[in-house]
Amino acid sequence: MGDPKGFMSHTRQAPKYLPPAERLKNHDEHIEILSEEQVKTQASRCMDCGVPFCMSGCPLGNLIPDWNDLVYKGRWQDALQALHATNNFPEFTGRVCPAPCENSCVLGINEPAVTIKLHEVSIVDKGFAEGWIKPQKPKFRTGKTVAVIGGGPAGLAAAQQLNRAGHQVTVFEKNDRAGGLLMYGIPHYKLRKEKVQRRIDLLAAEGIEFHYNVTVGVTIPWEQLKGQYDAVVISTGAEAGRDLPAPGRELDGIHYAMEFLPQSNRANWGDADVTALHPDKKLLWATGKKVIVIGGGDTGSDCIGTSLRQGAASVTNFELLPCPPDKRTGGNPWPQWARIQRISSSVEEMTTNGGKVHYSLATKKFLGANGKVTGLTTIDLDWSTGNPVEKPGTERTWEADLVLLAMGFLGPKKQGLLEQVGCALDERGNVKTDGTRQTSIPGVFAAGDARRGQSLIVWAIAEGREVARCVDAFLTKQDSLLPKVRLEAFAY
């Protein structure tokens, strides 16, 4: 503990967003950069608690008090080593993780929490800037081979850990780039894709083999793949988007968020064909359109910010649930994840430009003309009983040229790979595994959203690290030397 009075001497200073008008001019990351001295001052606020709840609040079990102290002392390389000890990709979590660790910070009981996320991203960014982060090739090879199906954060974490254990790892990715939602879901202004590609290039330099534009179960039949590897990890994510089967759903102009968002990211890369990932190669762009985004989570927020940057005429957001409270309620005490209202940067941009989030609103039908959507009809909901009850006489009609469905995901797609593998599914439709992360098919494992359901990037990395340990034990027939990840049933 570098400064025992740091939490009393200094107030929380988190990086601020640039003004909405300024950040809407481009797709650059829009958070101000604090100086090293400012970051060190913020790190001094860590109390090095006897029981660091921040570590249990983090699914990765990050050594948060350790690297806070090292940052305060200016020992950045040691801090980077401590950070990478539990987190393969801190440059991602430091940018897009909602920081459950900060919700569990002991100082946060009665003072603003420590800026843990700031320290995390500052450490790893300095590590890249100073050239400290280099490929780490394994010193030996076991002769065992592993196929990882899906190159999102869970698959990438599993691949890196297994490669470090000496196994030969091949990642099969259905898109033309790895990263999953890191690459094609999260917008550039939250996570620049050059940073994603930088890490993937490092993994390739460490000896991991990537096969792109390969959809196992379609491009390559499962029967052809399964006999070529000693173990297989399914980490395909939870790609089945929640639909809204209201009358008029078939109208042109109503699309899933994950049909819309990848095109913007491809455009920001400078790709010639931004429609490459759309099943019908259809261009989805918000310029000059009245956009309605249905869904109030992170994906909905990403649709809002992207639409505004594309020059939408207007953007409106619908949320089925009621507006969360401003503060914790009695049933949501510290150190639980605080179920309170949070205003994302995209929602701030929308409200600044005349848009609004409408809570407790259900879409009843879509309206159209000549096969194209022109609007929709909604009704207000009463949640006072705990269940949604429609309020008679509250029907409203809204104009819209583009409707984006961002209502979450229902688990992995069942067609193709999972049908051919024949592994058991759980009651939620996710891939069912035992305590060793092995599916009902011997030698086939699962991790990430495909196993757990829609979740956070920090959970995906934790899942990838844990499945790697389990696969390593399976291949070597002995306890794995890879670190064990403490995975608990947190309430988030």
Protein backbone atom coordinates (compact mmCIF):
# COMPACT_ATOMS: atom_id res chain seq x y z
CA MET A 1 0.00 0.00 0.00
CA GLY A 2 1.87 3.01 -1.31
CA ASP A 3 -0.14 5.83 0.28
CA PRO A 4 -2.20 4.81 3.32
CA LYS A 5 -4.04 8.14 3.20
CA GLY A 6 -4.52 8.32 -0.56
CA PHE A 7 -8.24 7.58 -0.40
CA MET A 8 -8.67 10.46 2.07
CA SER A 9 -6.42 12.91 0.25
CA HIS A 10 -7.77 12.55 -3.29
CA THR A 11 -11.17 12.38 -4.89
CA ARG A 12 -12.08 10.15 -7.82
CA GLN A 13 -11.05 11.54 -11.19
CA ALA A 14 -12.19 9.29 -14.02
CA PRO A 15 -11.52 10.14 -17.67
CA LYS A 16 -14.28 12.27 -19.17
CA TYR A 17 -15.93 11.98 -22.55
CA LEU A 18 -15.22 14.60 -25.14
CA PRO A 19 -18.22 16.92 -25.83
CA PRO A 20 -20.97 15.16 -27.87
CA ALA A 21 -20.71 17.55 -30.82
CA GLU A 22 -16.98 16.91 -31.07
CA ARG A 23 -17.04 13.14 -30.78
CA LEU A 24 -19.86 12.74 -33.30
CA LYS A 25 -17.58 14.11 -36.01
CA ASN A 26 -15.68 10.81 -36.27
CA HIS A 27 -15.41 7.22 -35.08
CA ASP A 28 -12.34 7.75 -32.89
CA GLU A 29 -12.23 6.68 -29.25
CA HIS A 30 -13.70 9.62 -27.39
CA ILE A 31 -12.39 9.43 -23.82
CA GLU A 32 -9.76 11.91 -22.65
CA ILE A 33 -6.31 10.59 -21.77
CA LEU A 34 -5.05 11.32 -18.27
CA SER A 35 -1.37 11.89 -17.53
CA GLU A 36 0.76 9.28 -15.78
CA GLU A 37 0.85 11.43 -12.66
CA GLN A 38 -2.94 11.68 -12.62
CA VAL A 39 -3.23 7.90 -12.99
CA LYS A 40 -0.70 7.32 -10.20
CA THR A 41 -2.65 9.69 -7.96
CA GLN A 42 -5.85 7.77 -8.64
CA ALA A 43 -4.08 4.47 -7.95
CA SER A 44 -3.07 5.80 -4.53
CA ARG A 45 -6.77 5.79 -3.55
CA CYS A 46 -6.72 1.98 -3.39
CA MET A 47 -6.94 0.99 0.31
CA ASP A 48 -5.35 -2.47 -0.15
CA CYS A 49 -8.29 -3.90 1.79
CA GLY A 50 -7.89 -6.95 3.99
CA VAL A 51 -10.65 -8.55 1.92
CA PRO A 52 -10.43 -7.05 -1.59
CA PHE A 53 -13.99 -7.44 -2.85
CA CYS A 54 -12.90 -5.93 -6.16
CA MET A 55 -11.13 -9.22 -6.91
CA SER A 56 -14.25 -11.28 -6.25
CA GLY A 57 -16.32 -8.81 -8.23
CA CYS A 58 -14.07 -9.50 -11.24
CA PRO A 59 -14.77 -12.85 -12.95
CA LEU A 60 -11.06 -13.08 -13.81
CA GLY A 61 -9.98 -12.56 -10.21
CA ASN A 62 -7.63 -9.78 -11.32
CA LEU A 63 -4.90 -8.88 -8.83
CA ILE A 64 -6.27 -5.37 -8.54
CA PRO A 65 -4.69 -4.15 -5.27
CA ASP A 66 -1.31 -5.44 -6.48
CA TRP A 67 -1.22 -3.52 -9.73
CA ASN A 68 -2.81 -0.44 -8.18
CA ASP A 69 0.11 -0.30 -5.75
CA LEU A 70 2.64 -0.93 -8.51
CA VAL A 71 1.19 1.87 -10.64
CA TYR A 72 1.35 4.28 -7.71
CA LYS A 73 5.02 3.39 -7.27
CA GLY A 74 5.71 3.83 -10.98
CA ARG A 75 6.63 0.16 -11.45
CA TRP A 76 4.75 -0.12 -14.71
CA GLN A 77 6.44 -3.26 -16.07
CA ASP A 78 5.74 -5.13 -12.85
CA ALA A 79 2.16 -3.88 -12.99
CA LEU A 80 1.86 -5.19 -16.55
CA GLN A 81 3.12 -8.60 -15.48
CA ALA A 82 0.58 -8.72 -12.64
CA LEU A 83 -2.18 -7.62 -15.01
CA HIS A 84 -1.37 -10.24 -17.66
CA ALA A 85 -1.17 -12.94 -14.98
CA THR A 86 -4.97 -13.16 -14.95
CA ASN A 87 -6.14 -11.29 -18.05
CA ASN A 88 -5.07 -12.13 -21.61
CA PHE A 89 -6.56 -8.99 -23.14
CA PRO A 90 -6.66 -6.04 -20.71
CA GLU A 91 -6.67 -3.54 -23.59
CA PHE A 92 -10.19 -4.83 -24.38
CA THR A 93 -11.61 -5.11 -20.87
CA GLY A 94 -10.02 -1.77 -19.95
CA ARG A 95 -12.14 -0.16 -22.64
CA VAL A 96 -15.46 -2.02 -22.90
CA CYS A 97 -15.94 -3.96 -19.67
CA PRO A 98 -18.60 -2.33 -17.42
CA ALA A 99 -16.20 -2.78 -14.47
CA PRO A 100 -18.06 -4.92 -11.94
CA CYS A 101 -14.85 -4.65 -9.92
CA GLU A 102 -15.56 -0.97 -9.26
CA ASN A 103 -19.08 -1.83 -8.08
CA SER A 104 -17.44 -4.11 -5.50
CA CYS A 105 -14.77 -1.67 -4.37
CA VAL A 106 -14.82 -1.32 -0.57
CA LEU A 107 -14.19 2.41 -0.83
CA GLY A 108 -17.38 2.55 -2.91
CA ILE A 109 -19.49 1.83 0.17
CA ASN A 110 -19.44 5.48 1.17
CA GLU A 111 -17.12 7.22 -1.33
CA PRO A 112 -16.66 7.16 -5.13
CA ALA A 113 -14.96 3.88 -6.02
CA VAL A 114 -11.34 3.55 -7.13
CA THR A 115 -10.84 4.05 -10.89
CA ILE A 116 -9.77 0.44 -11.46
CA LYS A 117 -10.65 0.39 -15.14
CA LEU A 118 -8.50 3.49 -15.75
CA HIS A 119 -5.45 1.84 -14.20
CA GLU A 120 -6.00 -1.35 -16.19
CA VAL A 121 -6.08 0.35 -19.58
CA SER A 122 -3.26 2.72 -18.64
CA ILE A 123 -0.97 -0.20 -17.76
CA VAL A 124 -1.55 -2.15 -20.95
CA ASP A 125 -1.46 0.92 -23.22
CA LYS A 126 1.91 1.88 -21.73
CA GLY A 127 3.07 -1.69 -22.21
CA PHE A 128 2.32 -1.54 -25.92
CA ALA A 129 3.75 1.97 -26.28
CA GLU A 130 7.03 0.96 -24.61
CA GLY A 131 7.32 -2.28 -26.59
CA TRP A 132 7.11 -4.48 -23.50
CA ILE A 133 4.37 -6.71 -24.93
CA LYS A 134 5.95 -9.23 -27.28
CA PRO A 135 4.99 -12.67 -28.63
CA GLN A 136 5.63 -15.44 -26.12
CA LYS A 137 6.25 -18.66 -27.99
CA PRO A 138 6.06 -21.93 -26.02
CA LYS A 139 9.41 -23.49 -25.16
CA PHE A 140 8.23 -26.99 -26.12
CA ARG A 141 5.45 -28.73 -28.03
CA THR A 142 3.41 -31.62 -26.65
CA GLY A 143 2.44 -33.04 -30.01
CA LYS A 144 -1.25 -32.61 -29.14
CA THR A 145 -3.59 -30.61 -31.40
CA VAL A 146 -6.64 -28.54 -30.50
CA ALA A 147 -9.25 -26.93 -32.75
CA VAL A 148 -10.97 -23.81 -31.42
CA ILE A 149 -14.19 -23.06 -33.29
CA GLY A 150 -14.89 -19.34 -32.97
CA GLY A 151 -12.38 -16.50 -32.72
CA GLY A 152 -14.14 -14.25 -30.20
CA PRO A 153 -12.63 -13.36 -26.80
CA ALA A 154 -13.39 -16.77 -25.26
CA GLY A 155 -11.86 -18.65 -28.19
CA LEU A 156 -8.84 -16.36 -28.34
CA ALA A 157 -8.17 -16.67 -24.60
CA ALA A 158 -8.49 -20.45 -24.78
CA ALA A 159 -6.19 -20.57 -27.79
CA GLN A 160 -3.49 -18.48 -26.13
CA GLN A 161 -3.55 -20.49 -22.91
CA LEU A 162 -3.45 -23.83 -24.72
CA ASN A 163 -0.65 -22.62 -26.96
CA ARG A 164 1.34 -21.58 -23.88
CA ALA A 165 0.86 -25.12 -22.56
CA GLY A 166 2.62 -26.35 -25.68
CA HIS A 167 -0.31 -27.67 -27.69
CA GLN A 168 -0.71 -26.82 -31.36
CA VAL A 169 -3.85 -24.70 -31.68
CA THR A 170 -5.88 -23.90 -34.78
CA VAL A 171 -8.66 -21.31 -34.65
CA PHE A 172 -11.51 -21.62 -37.16
CA GLU A 173 -13.28 -18.27 -37.72
CA LYS A 174 -16.33 -17.85 -39.94
CA ASN A 175 -15.57 -14.19 -40.67
CA ASP A 176 -12.62 -12.71 -42.52
CA ARG A 177 -11.10 -11.43 -39.28
CA ALA A 178 -10.94 -12.83 -35.76
CA GLY A 179 -12.26 -11.02 -32.70
CA GLY A 180 -15.97 -11.78 -32.80
CA LEU A 181 -17.98 -8.94 -31.28
CA LEU A 182 -14.71 -7.16 -30.44
CA MET A 183 -14.14 -6.78 -34.17
CA TYR A 184 -17.59 -6.62 -35.72
CA GLY A 185 -19.99 -5.72 -32.92
CA ILE A 186 -18.47 -3.06 -30.66
CA PRO A 187 -18.09 0.21 -32.60
CA HIS A 188 -14.75 1.83 -33.43
CA TYR A 189 -15.42 4.76 -31.11
CA LYS A 190 -15.42 2.40 -28.11
CA LEU A 191 -12.64 0.06 -29.26
CA ARG A 192 -10.52 0.81 -32.29
CA LYS A 193 -10.15 -2.30 -34.42
CA GLU A 194 -6.44 -1.74 -34.92
CA LYS A 195 -6.08 -2.62 -31.24
CA VAL A 196 -7.98 -5.85 -31.77
CA GLN A 197 -5.90 -6.80 -34.80
CA ARG A 198 -2.70 -5.95 -32.92
CA ARG A 199 -3.47 -8.62 -30.33
CA ILE A 200 -4.52 -11.19 -32.95
CA ASP A 201 -1.24 -10.61 -34.78
CA LEU A 202 0.58 -11.30 -31.51
CA LEU A 203 -1.29 -14.58 -31.08
CA ALA A 204 -0.38 -15.61 -34.61
CA ALA A 205 3.26 -14.74 -33.91
CA GLU A 206 3.11 -17.01 -30.87
CA GLY A 207 2.29 -19.96 -33.12
CA ILE A 208 -1.50 -20.07 -33.18
CA GLU A 209 -2.88 -20.85 -36.63
CA PHE A 210 -5.95 -18.97 -37.89
CA HIS A 211 -8.28 -20.19 -40.65
CA TYR A 212 -10.69 -17.47 -41.79
CA ASN A 213 -13.95 -17.61 -43.76
CA VAL A 214 -14.52 -21.12 -42.44
CA THR A 215 -17.88 -22.00 -40.90
CA VAL A 216 -17.52 -25.41 -39.29
CA GLY A 217 -20.75 -27.28 -39.97
CA VAL A 218 -21.20 -25.50 -43.31
CA THR A 219 -17.89 -24.83 -45.08
CA ILE A 220 -16.33 -27.83 -43.35
CA PRO A 221 -18.59 -30.66 -42.13
CA TRP A 222 -18.11 -31.63 -38.50
CA GLU A 223 -17.30 -35.21 -39.49
CA GLN A 224 -14.35 -33.98 -41.52
CA LEU A 225 -12.96 -31.89 -38.67
CA LYS A 226 -13.47 -33.98 -35.55
CA GLY A 227 -11.02 -36.75 -36.36
CA GLN A 228 -8.15 -34.39 -37.12
CA TYR A 229 -7.68 -32.97 -33.60
CA ASP A 230 -7.12 -34.39 -30.14
CA ALA A 231 -9.62 -31.96 -28.64
CA VAL A 232 -12.11 -29.36 -29.86
CA VAL A 233 -13.37 -26.21 -28.13
CA ILE A 234 -16.71 -24.74 -29.24
CA SER A 235 -16.66 -20.98 -28.63
CA THR A 236 -19.06 -19.74 -31.28
CA GLY A 237 -20.81 -17.18 -29.07
CA ALA A 238 -24.51 -16.51 -28.56
CA GLU A 239 -25.42 -15.39 -32.06
CA ALA A 240 -29.15 -16.13 -32.08
CA GLY A 241 -30.67 -12.66 -31.80
CA ARG A 242 -34.00 -12.16 -30.03
CA ASP A 243 -36.67 -11.43 -32.63
CA LEU A 244 -39.81 -9.30 -32.35
CA PRO A 245 -42.54 -11.30 -34.14
CA ALA A 246 -45.10 -8.50 -34.39
CA PRO A 247 -47.34 -7.95 -37.43
CA GLY A 248 -45.34 -6.32 -40.22
CA ARG A 249 -42.03 -7.85 -39.15
CA GLU A 250 -41.38 -8.90 -42.77
CA LEU A 251 -41.15 -5.30 -43.98
CA ASP A 252 -37.87 -4.09 -45.45
CA GLY A 253 -35.98 -1.80 -43.09
CA ILE A 254 -36.32 -3.93 -39.92
CA HIS A 255 -32.99 -5.55 -39.06
CA TYR A 256 -31.09 -7.19 -36.26
CA ALA A 257 -28.41 -5.03 -34.66
CA MET A 258 -25.75 -7.51 -35.69
CA GLU A 259 -26.71 -7.10 -39.33
CA PHE A 260 -26.21 -3.35 -38.98
CA LEU A 261 -23.16 -2.86 -36.75
CA PRO A 262 -20.55 -4.89 -38.70
CA GLN A 263 -21.03 -2.75 -41.79
CA SER A 264 -19.97 0.41 -40.00
CA ASN A 265 -16.88 -1.32 -38.63
CA ARG A 266 -15.96 -2.60 -42.08
CA ALA A 267 -16.38 0.90 -43.51
CA ASN A 268 -14.10 2.33 -40.83
CA TRP A 269 -11.51 -0.30 -41.78
CA GLY A 270 -11.71 0.94 -45.35
CA ASP A 271 -13.11 -2.33 -46.70
CA ALA A 272 -14.35 -2.13 -50.28
CA ASP A 273 -17.38 -4.34 -49.55
CA VAL A 274 -19.02 -3.30 -46.29
CA THR A 275 -21.95 -5.67 -46.91
CA ALA A 276 -19.78 -8.80 -47.01
CA LEU A 277 -21.16 -10.26 -43.76
CA HIS A 278 -24.85 -9.58 -44.48
CA PRO A 279 -26.67 -12.75 -45.63
CA ASP A 280 -28.28 -10.85 -48.53
CA LYS A 281 -25.37 -8.45 -49.12
CA LYS A 282 -27.73 -5.57 -48.35
CA LEU A 283 -26.37 -2.17 -47.36
CA LEU A 284 -27.75 -0.96 -44.02
CA TRP A 285 -26.95 2.69 -43.41
CA ALA A 286 -28.69 5.30 -41.26
CA THR A 287 -27.86 8.46 -43.21
CA GLY A 288 -30.91 10.73 -43.43
CA LYS A 289 -33.21 8.14 -41.85
CA LYS A 290 -35.53 8.19 -38.87
CA VAL A 291 -34.08 5.41 -36.76
CA ILE A 292 -35.78 3.56 -33.93
CA VAL A 293 -33.61 1.26 -31.81
CA ILE A 294 -35.55 -1.35 -29.82
CA GLY A 295 -33.55 -2.50 -26.81
CA GLY A 296 -31.80 -0.53 -24.09
CA GLY A 297 -28.64 -2.55 -23.45
CA ASP A 298 -25.09 -2.18 -24.73
CA THR A 299 -26.00 -3.38 -28.22
CA GLY A 300 -28.82 -0.87 -28.46
CA SER A 301 -26.47 1.87 -27.28
CA ASP A 302 -23.98 0.88 -29.99
CA CYS A 303 -26.72 1.12 -32.62
CA ILE A 304 -27.61 4.60 -31.37
CA GLY A 305 -24.06 5.96 -31.48
CA THR A 306 -23.37 4.39 -34.87
CA SER A 307 -26.60 5.76 -36.37
CA LEU A 308 -25.79 9.26 -35.16
CA ARG A 309 -22.29 9.10 -36.65
CA GLN A 310 -23.75 7.98 -39.96
CA GLY A 311 -25.95 11.10 -40.03
CA ALA A 312 -29.38 9.78 -39.07
CA ALA A 313 -32.18 12.34 -39.28
CA SER A 314 -33.33 11.26 -35.80
CA VAL A 315 -32.72 8.44 -33.35
CA THR A 316 -35.20 7.16 -30.75
CA ASN A 317 -34.74 4.33 -28.28
CA PHE A 318 -37.42 1.98 -26.88
CA GLU A 319 -36.93 -0.09 -23.74
CA LEU A 320 -39.44 -2.72 -22.59
CA LEU A 321 -38.43 -2.50 -18.93
CA PRO A 322 -39.05 0.42 -16.56
CA CYS A 323 -36.39 3.03 -15.92
CA PRO A 324 -33.91 1.82 -13.27
CA PRO A 325 -33.51 3.85 -10.05
CA ASP A 326 -30.76 6.43 -9.62
CA LYS A 327 -29.37 4.70 -6.52
CA ARG A 328 -29.18 1.19 -5.14
CA THR A 329 -32.36 -0.14 -3.56
CA GLY A 330 -32.51 -2.12 -0.31
CA GLY A 331 -32.62 -5.36 -2.26
CA ASN A 332 -29.47 -4.52 -4.22
CA PRO A 333 -26.76 -3.83 -1.60
CA TRP A 334 -23.01 -3.47 -2.07
CA PRO A 335 -21.00 -5.43 -3.27
CA GLN A 336 -23.57 -6.64 -5.82
CA TRP A 337 -23.63 -5.17 -9.29
CA ALA A 338 -25.58 -1.93 -8.89
CA ARG A 339 -28.83 -2.16 -10.87
CA ILE A 340 -29.13 1.59 -11.42
CA GLN A 341 -29.66 3.87 -14.39
CA ARG A 342 -26.51 4.40 -16.45
CA ILE A 343 -26.32 6.92 -19.27
CA SER A 344 -23.98 5.66 -21.98
CA SER A 345 -22.03 8.06 -24.17
CA SER A 346 -24.30 7.14 -27.11
CA VAL A 347 -27.49 7.84 -25.17
CA GLU A 348 -26.02 11.19 -24.09
CA GLU A 349 -25.33 11.96 -27.75
CA MET A 350 -28.88 10.99 -28.68
CA THR A 351 -30.53 13.15 -26.03
CA THR A 352 -28.27 16.07 -26.97
CA ASN A 353 -29.62 15.75 -30.50
CA GLY A 354 -33.29 15.64 -29.49
CA GLY A 355 -33.74 11.90 -29.08
CA LYS A 356 -34.97 10.08 -26.02
CA VAL A 357 -35.12 6.71 -24.28
CA HIS A 358 -38.75 5.65 -23.84
CA TYR A 359 -39.13 3.12 -21.02
CA SER A 360 -41.94 0.61 -20.36
CA LEU A 361 -42.87 0.49 -24.03
CA ALA A 362 -43.96 -2.53 -26.07
CA THR A 363 -44.05 -2.62 -29.87
CA LYS A 364 -47.40 -3.96 -31.12
CA LYS A 365 -47.00 -3.82 -34.90
CA PHE A 366 -44.87 -2.45 -37.70
CA LEU A 367 -46.36 -0.14 -40.33
CA GLY A 368 -45.29 0.04 -43.96
CA ALA A 369 -45.93 1.01 -47.54
CA ASN A 370 -44.73 -0.66 -50.74
CA GLY A 371 -43.01 -3.34 -48.68
CA LYS A 372 -40.89 -0.90 -46.65
CA VAL A 373 -41.27 0.04 -43.02
CA THR A 374 -42.67 3.52 -42.38
CA GLY A 375 -43.29 3.33 -38.65
CA LEU A 376 -44.61 1.28 -35.78
CA THR A 377 -47.27 1.26 -33.09
CA THR A 378 -46.51 0.95 -29.38
CA ILE A 379 -48.37 0.70 -26.09
CA ASP A 380 -47.25 1.73 -22.60
CA LEU A 381 -46.68 -0.92 -19.93
CA ASP A 382 -47.46 -0.92 -16.22
CA TRP A 383 -44.82 -2.83 -14.20
CA SER A 384 -46.26 -2.10 -10.73
CA THR A 385 -47.15 -5.76 -10.14
CA GLY A 386 -43.76 -6.98 -11.31
CA ASN A 387 -45.19 -8.17 -14.60
CA PRO A 388 -45.89 -6.08 -17.73
CA VAL A 389 -49.52 -5.04 -18.12
CA GLU A 390 -50.60 -3.03 -21.15
CA LYS A 391 -52.23 0.31 -20.39
CA PRO A 392 -55.41 0.77 -22.45
CA GLY A 393 -55.57 3.99 -24.45
CA THR A 394 -51.81 4.54 -24.56
CA GLU A 395 -51.25 3.40 -28.14
CA ARG A 396 -48.93 5.62 -30.15
CA THR A 397 -47.63 5.65 -33.72
CA TRP A 398 -44.03 6.49 -34.55
CA GLU A 399 -42.42 7.24 -37.89
CA ALA A 400 -39.37 5.18 -38.86
CA ASP A 401 -37.30 4.40 -41.94
CA LEU A 402 -34.95 2.02 -40.13
CA VAL A 403 -35.78 -0.17 -37.13
CA LEU A 404 -32.92 -1.96 -35.36
CA LEU A 405 -33.65 -4.90 -33.05
CA ALA A 406 -31.19 -4.97 -30.15
CA MET A 407 -33.09 -7.01 -27.59
CA GLY A 408 -30.36 -9.43 -26.61
CA PHE A 409 -29.41 -12.93 -27.69
CA LEU A 410 -30.96 -16.34 -27.10
CA GLY A 411 -27.84 -18.49 -27.16
CA PRO A 412 -25.79 -20.18 -29.87
CA LYS A 413 -27.25 -20.93 -33.28
CA LYS A 414 -28.50 -24.50 -33.35
CA GLN A 415 -28.34 -25.09 -37.10
CA GLY A 416 -25.15 -26.40 -38.65
CA LEU A 417 -22.39 -27.08 -36.13
CA LEU A 418 -24.39 -27.99 -33.01
CA GLU A 419 -26.78 -30.17 -35.02
CA GLN A 420 -23.88 -32.08 -36.50
CA VAL A 421 -21.94 -32.38 -33.24
CA GLY A 422 -25.05 -33.68 -31.49
CA CYS A 423 -24.00 -32.43 -28.05
CA ALA A 424 -26.60 -31.93 -25.33
CA LEU A 425 -28.02 -28.48 -24.62
CA ASP A 426 -29.15 -27.09 -21.28
CA GLU A 427 -32.61 -25.75 -20.46
CA ARG A 428 -31.66 -22.32 -21.86
CA GLY A 429 -30.48 -23.72 -25.18
CA ASN A 430 -26.77 -23.27 -24.46
CA VAL A 431 -24.17 -26.01 -24.87
CA LYS A 432 -24.30 -28.22 -21.78
CA THR A 433 -21.01 -29.16 -20.12
CA ASP A 434 -19.86 -31.01 -17.02
CA GLY A 435 -17.50 -29.70 -14.35
CA THR A 436 -14.55 -30.08 -16.71
CA ARG A 437 -16.24 -27.97 -19.40
CA GLN A 438 -16.59 -31.10 -21.54
CA THR A 439 -19.79 -31.55 -23.53
CA SER A 440 -21.73 -34.80 -23.84
CA ILE A 441 -19.35 -35.69 -26.70
CA PRO A 442 -15.94 -36.91 -25.43
CA GLY A 443 -13.08 -34.61 -26.37
CA VAL A 444 -15.41 -31.73 -27.27
CA PHE A 445 -15.47 -28.77 -24.88
CA ALA A 446 -17.38 -25.47 -24.82
CA ALA A 447 -16.69 -21.98 -23.49
CA GLY A 448 -17.92 -18.42 -23.55
CA ASP A 449 -21.39 -17.30 -24.53
CA ALA A 450 -22.02 -20.59 -26.36
CA ARG A 451 -21.83 -22.32 -22.96
CA ARG A 452 -22.86 -19.57 -20.58
CA GLY A 453 -25.26 -17.50 -22.62
CA GLN A 454 -25.03 -13.80 -23.47
CA SER A 455 -22.60 -12.16 -21.06
CA LEU A 456 -19.66 -9.79 -20.63
CA ILE A 457 -16.27 -9.84 -22.34
CA VAL A 458 -14.61 -10.35 -18.96
CA TRP A 459 -16.67 -13.51 -18.51
CA ALA A 460 -15.72 -14.68 -22.01
CA ILE A 461 -12.01 -14.37 -21.22
CA ALA A 462 -12.51 -16.15 -17.89
CA GLU A 463 -14.39 -18.94 -19.67
CA GLY A 464 -11.63 -19.27 -22.26
CA ARG A 465 -8.92 -19.48 -19.63
CA GLU A 466 -10.81 -22.10 -17.62
CA VAL A 467 -11.69 -24.32 -20.58
CA ALA A 468 -8.02 -24.23 -21.62
CA ARG A 469 -7.01 -25.57 -18.21
CA CYS A 470 -9.60 -28.34 -18.52
CA VAL A 471 -8.53 -29.26 -22.05
CA ASP A 472 -4.88 -29.31 -21.01
CA ALA A 473 -5.70 -31.75 -18.18
CA PHE A 474 -7.69 -33.89 -20.63
CA LEU A 475 -4.80 -34.04 -23.11
CA THR A 476 -2.00 -34.65 -20.60
CA LYS A 477 -3.99 -36.97 -18.28
CA GLN A 478 -2.73 -35.03 -15.27
CA ASP A 479 -3.44 -31.84 -13.37
CA SER A 480 -2.87 -28.80 -15.54
CA LEU A 481 -0.26 -26.21 -14.65
CA LEU A 482 -2.38 -23.51 -16.27
CA PRO A 483 -3.93 -21.20 -13.64
CA LYS A 484 -7.39 -22.05 -12.36
CA VAL A 485 -10.06 -19.41 -12.79
CA ARG A 486 -12.50 -18.90 -9.97
CA LEU A 487 -15.89 -18.97 -11.67
CA GLU A 488 -18.79 -18.14 -9.36
CA ALA A 489 -22.49 -17.61 -10.01
CA PHE A 490 -22.45 -13.81 -9.72
CA ALA A 491 -25.73 -11.93 -10.02
CA TYR A 492 -24.81 -10.20 -13.28
